Amino acid sequence: QVQLVESGGGLVQPGGSLTLSCAASGIVFRIYDMGWYRQAPGKQRELVAGIASGGRANYADFVKGRFTISRDNAKRTVYLQMNNLKPEDTAVYSCNADAMYARAGNYWGQGTQVTVSS
């Protein structure tokens, strides 16, 4: 059974930092492209950052210079380090594992709430 379990969300003041983790099980983690997405109330889900199986990272413009995505294949975990958080970063953050290129499926975690407020 495939599971993606996010953790690390919470309430933080503007300018603060959080690190999200997504632990995977039931998949050959190293072949999956991993991504962090977010969805704010009343808005569509959007890509925040992605990291390919080979390690190349990409970021949405609105987080460049503030967020860093990384992965540890030995721990089957992807991380999102979020610095200088803004109120507009408030959303449910979900991780995604994609290996459709290898016909190995696409999976989502349940999400973790990040609230940036004073």
C-alpha atoms as a PDB file:
ATOM      1  CA  GLN A   1       0.000   0.000   0.000  1.00  0.00           C
ATOM      2  CA  VAL A   2       1.353   3.372  -1.034  1.00  0.00           C
ATOM      3  CA  GLN A   3       1.450   6.072   1.608  1.00  0.00           C
ATOM      4  CA  LEU A   4       2.736   9.633   1.535  1.00  0.00           C
ATOM      5  CA  VAL A   5       2.615  11.185   4.996  1.00  0.00           C
ATOM      6  CA  GLU A   6       3.276  14.890   5.413  1.00  0.00           C
ATOM      7  CA  SER A   7       4.298  16.515   8.659  1.00  0.00           C
ATOM      8  CA  GLY A   8       5.716  19.777   9.916  1.00  0.00           C
ATOM      9  CA  GLY A   9       2.852  22.149   9.270  1.00  0.00           C
ATOM     10  CA  GLY A  10       1.542  24.578  11.830  1.00  0.00           C
ATOM     11  CA  LEU A  11       1.066  28.193  12.785  1.00  0.00           C
ATOM     12  CA  VAL A  12       3.966  30.582  12.255  1.00  0.00           C
ATOM     13  CA  GLN A  13       4.345  34.345  12.324  1.00  0.00           C
ATOM     14  CA  PRO A  14       5.185  36.295   9.174  1.00  0.00           C
ATOM     15  CA  GLY A  15       8.891  36.107   8.503  1.00  0.00           C
ATOM     16  CA  GLY A  16       9.168  32.777  10.259  1.00  0.00           C
ATOM     17  CA  SER A  17      10.255  29.381   9.008  1.00  0.00           C
ATOM     18  CA  LEU A  18       8.884  25.871   8.794  1.00  0.00           C
ATOM     19  CA  THR A  19      10.184  22.628   7.355  1.00  0.00           C
ATOM     20  CA  LEU A  20       7.710  20.184   5.869  1.00  0.00           C
ATOM     21  CA  SER A  21       8.496  16.503   5.462  1.00  0.00           C
ATOM     22  CA  CYS A  22       6.826  13.875   3.324  1.00  0.00           C
ATOM     23  CA  ALA A  23       7.676  10.277   4.124  1.00  0.00           C
ATOM     24  CA  ALA A  24       6.883   7.705   1.467  1.00  0.00           C
ATOM     25  CA  SER A  25       6.253   4.007   1.765  1.00  0.00           C
ATOM     26  CA  GLY A  26       5.128   1.343  -0.665  1.00  0.00           C
ATOM     27  CA  ILE A  27       6.992   2.841  -3.629  1.00  0.00           C
ATOM     28  CA  VAL A  28      10.487   2.696  -5.074  1.00  0.00           C
ATOM     29  CA  PHE A  29      11.076   6.233  -3.921  1.00  0.00           C
ATOM     30  CA  ARG A  30      14.252   6.913  -5.912  1.00  0.00           C
ATOM     31  CA  ILE A  31      12.492   6.662  -9.297  1.00  0.00           C
ATOM     32  CA  TYR A  32       9.763   9.155  -8.422  1.00  0.00           C
ATOM     33  CA  ASP A  33       9.693  12.833  -9.213  1.00  0.00           C
ATOM     34  CA  MET A  34       8.479  14.513  -6.044  1.00  0.00           C
ATOM     35  CA  GLY A  35       6.560  17.724  -5.696  1.00  0.00           C
ATOM     36  CA  TRP A  36       5.023  20.000  -3.125  1.00  0.00           C
ATOM     37  CA  TYR A  37       1.700  21.606  -3.991  1.00  0.00           C
ATOM     38  CA  ARG A  38      -0.533  23.928  -2.042  1.00  0.00           C
ATOM     39  CA  GLN A  39      -4.167  24.918  -2.047  1.00  0.00           C
ATOM     40  CA  ALA A  40      -5.562  27.939  -0.281  1.00  0.00           C
ATOM     41  CA  PRO A  41      -9.290  28.313   0.450  1.00  0.00           C
ATOM     42  CA  GLY A  42     -11.167  29.260  -2.687  1.00  0.00           C
ATOM     43  CA  LYS A  43      -8.132  28.813  -4.910  1.00  0.00           C
ATOM     44  CA  GLN A  44      -6.857  26.128  -7.207  1.00  0.00           C
ATOM     45  CA  ARG A  45      -4.056  23.826  -6.219  1.00  0.00           C
ATOM     46  CA  GLU A  46      -0.700  25.078  -7.428  1.00  0.00           C
ATOM     47  CA  LEU A  47       2.796  23.685  -7.701  1.00  0.00           C
ATOM     48  CA  VAL A  48       5.199  25.101  -5.137  1.00  0.00           C
ATOM     49  CA  ALA A  49       8.370  23.151  -5.885  1.00  0.00           C
ATOM     50  CA  GLY A  50       9.448  19.918  -7.488  1.00  0.00           C
ATOM     51  CA  ILE A  51      12.508  17.726  -7.405  1.00  0.00           C
ATOM     52  CA  ALA A  52      13.165  15.137 -10.063  1.00  0.00           C
ATOM     53  CA  SER A  53      14.386  11.621  -9.429  1.00  0.00           C
ATOM     54  CA  GLY A  54      17.813  12.799 -10.568  1.00  0.00           C
ATOM     55  CA  GLY A  55      17.796  15.671  -8.102  1.00  0.00           C
ATOM     56  CA  ARG A  56      17.029  18.682 -10.290  1.00  0.00           C
ATOM     57  CA  ALA A  57      14.761  21.143  -8.505  1.00  0.00           C
ATOM     58  CA  ASN A  58      12.319  23.698  -9.816  1.00  0.00           C
ATOM     59  CA  TYR A  59      10.322  26.378  -8.040  1.00  0.00           C
ATOM     60  CA  ALA A  60       7.289  28.529  -8.559  1.00  0.00           C
ATOM     61  CA  ASP A  61       8.255  32.155  -8.971  1.00  0.00           C
ATOM     62  CA  PHE A  62       6.417  33.141  -5.809  1.00  0.00           C
ATOM     63  CA  VAL A  63       8.728  31.016  -3.614  1.00  0.00           C
ATOM     64  CA  LYS A  64      12.072  31.421  -5.358  1.00  0.00           C
ATOM     65  CA  GLY A  65      14.718  32.475  -2.889  1.00  0.00           C
ATOM     66  CA  ARG A  66      12.529  31.596   0.102  1.00  0.00           C
ATOM     67  CA  PHE A  67      11.777  27.861  -0.179  1.00  0.00           C
ATOM     68  CA  THR A  68      14.136  24.929  -0.747  1.00  0.00           C
ATOM     69  CA  ILE A  69      13.098  21.438  -1.745  1.00  0.00           C
ATOM     70  CA  SER A  70      15.332  18.455  -1.072  1.00  0.00           C
ATOM     71  CA  ARG A  71      15.118  14.699  -0.943  1.00  0.00           C
ATOM     72  CA  ASP A  72      16.768  11.875   0.947  1.00  0.00           C
ATOM     73  CA  ASN A  73      16.339   8.677  -1.020  1.00  0.00           C
ATOM     74  CA  ALA A  74      17.706   6.549   1.811  1.00  0.00           C
ATOM     75  CA  LYS A  75      14.970   7.877   4.101  1.00  0.00           C
ATOM     76  CA  ARG A  76      12.352   7.953   1.329  1.00  0.00           C
ATOM     77  CA  THR A  77      11.562  11.500   2.345  1.00  0.00           C
ATOM     78  CA  VAL A  78      11.187  14.824   0.581  1.00  0.00           C
ATOM     79  CA  TYR A  79      11.491  18.101   2.447  1.00  0.00           C
ATOM     80  CA  LEU A  80      10.367  21.653   1.915  1.00  0.00           C
ATOM     81  CA  GLN A  81      12.290  24.262   3.870  1.00  0.00           C
ATOM     82  CA  MET A  82      10.208  27.423   3.974  1.00  0.00           C
ATOM     83  CA  ASN A  83      11.779  30.697   5.076  1.00  0.00           C
ATOM     84  CA  ASN A  84      10.483  34.260   5.261  1.00  0.00           C
ATOM     85  CA  LEU A  85       6.913  33.026   5.271  1.00  0.00           C
ATOM     86  CA  LYS A  86       4.161  35.426   4.268  1.00  0.00           C
ATOM     87  CA  PRO A  87       0.438  35.394   5.069  1.00  0.00           C
ATOM     88  CA  GLU A  88      -0.254  34.536   1.441  1.00  0.00           C
ATOM     89  CA  ASP A  89       1.666  31.275   1.938  1.00  0.00           C
ATOM     90  CA  THR A  90      -1.202  30.057   4.114  1.00  0.00           C
ATOM     91  CA  ALA A  91      -2.571  26.876   2.540  1.00  0.00           C
ATOM     92  CA  VAL A  92      -2.781  23.115   2.789  1.00  0.00           C
ATOM     93  CA  TYR A  93       0.513  21.731   1.500  1.00  0.00           C
ATOM     94  CA  SER A  94       0.496  18.290  -0.105  1.00  0.00           C
ATOM     95  CA  CYS A  95       3.224  16.166  -1.546  1.00  0.00           C
ATOM     96  CA  ASN A  96       3.006  14.277  -4.792  1.00  0.00           C
ATOM     97  CA  ALA A  97       4.974  11.348  -6.131  1.00  0.00           C
ATOM     98  CA  ASP A  98       4.980  10.865  -9.861  1.00  0.00           C
ATOM     99  CA  ALA A  99       6.514   8.107 -11.940  1.00  0.00           C
ATOM    100  CA  MET A 100       4.023   7.995 -14.781  1.00  0.00           C
ATOM    101  CA  TYR A 101       6.996   8.013 -17.153  1.00  0.00           C
ATOM    102  CA  ALA A 102       7.801   4.560 -15.760  1.00  0.00           C
ATOM    103  CA  ARG A 103       4.140   3.519 -15.562  1.00  0.00           C
ATOM    104  CA  ALA A 104       4.554   3.414 -11.791  1.00  0.00           C
ATOM    105  CA  GLY A 105       1.693   5.716 -10.906  1.00  0.00           C
ATOM    106  CA  ASN A 106       1.003   9.075  -9.337  1.00  0.00           C
ATOM    107  CA  TYR A 107       0.227   9.459  -5.646  1.00  0.00           C
ATOM    108  CA  TRP A 108      -0.805  12.173  -3.197  1.00  0.00           C
ATOM    109  CA  GLY A 109      -0.444  12.698   0.509  1.00  0.00           C
ATOM    110  CA  GLN A 110      -3.272  13.909   2.705  1.00  0.00           C
ATOM    111  CA  GLY A 111      -1.808  17.375   3.217  1.00  0.00           C
ATOM    112  CA  THR A 112      -0.644  19.475   6.123  1.00  0.00           C
ATOM    113  CA  GLN A 113      -1.937  22.909   7.079  1.00  0.00           C
ATOM    114  CA  VAL A 114       0.426  25.871   7.090  1.00  0.00           C
ATOM    115  CA  THR A 115      -0.933  29.089   8.577  1.00  0.00           C
ATOM    116  CA  VAL A 116       1.087  32.291   8.520  1.00  0.00           C
ATOM    117  CA  SER A 117      -0.421  34.866  10.814  1.00  0.00           C
ATOM    118  CA  SER A 118       0.504  37.279  13.555  1.00  0.00           C
END
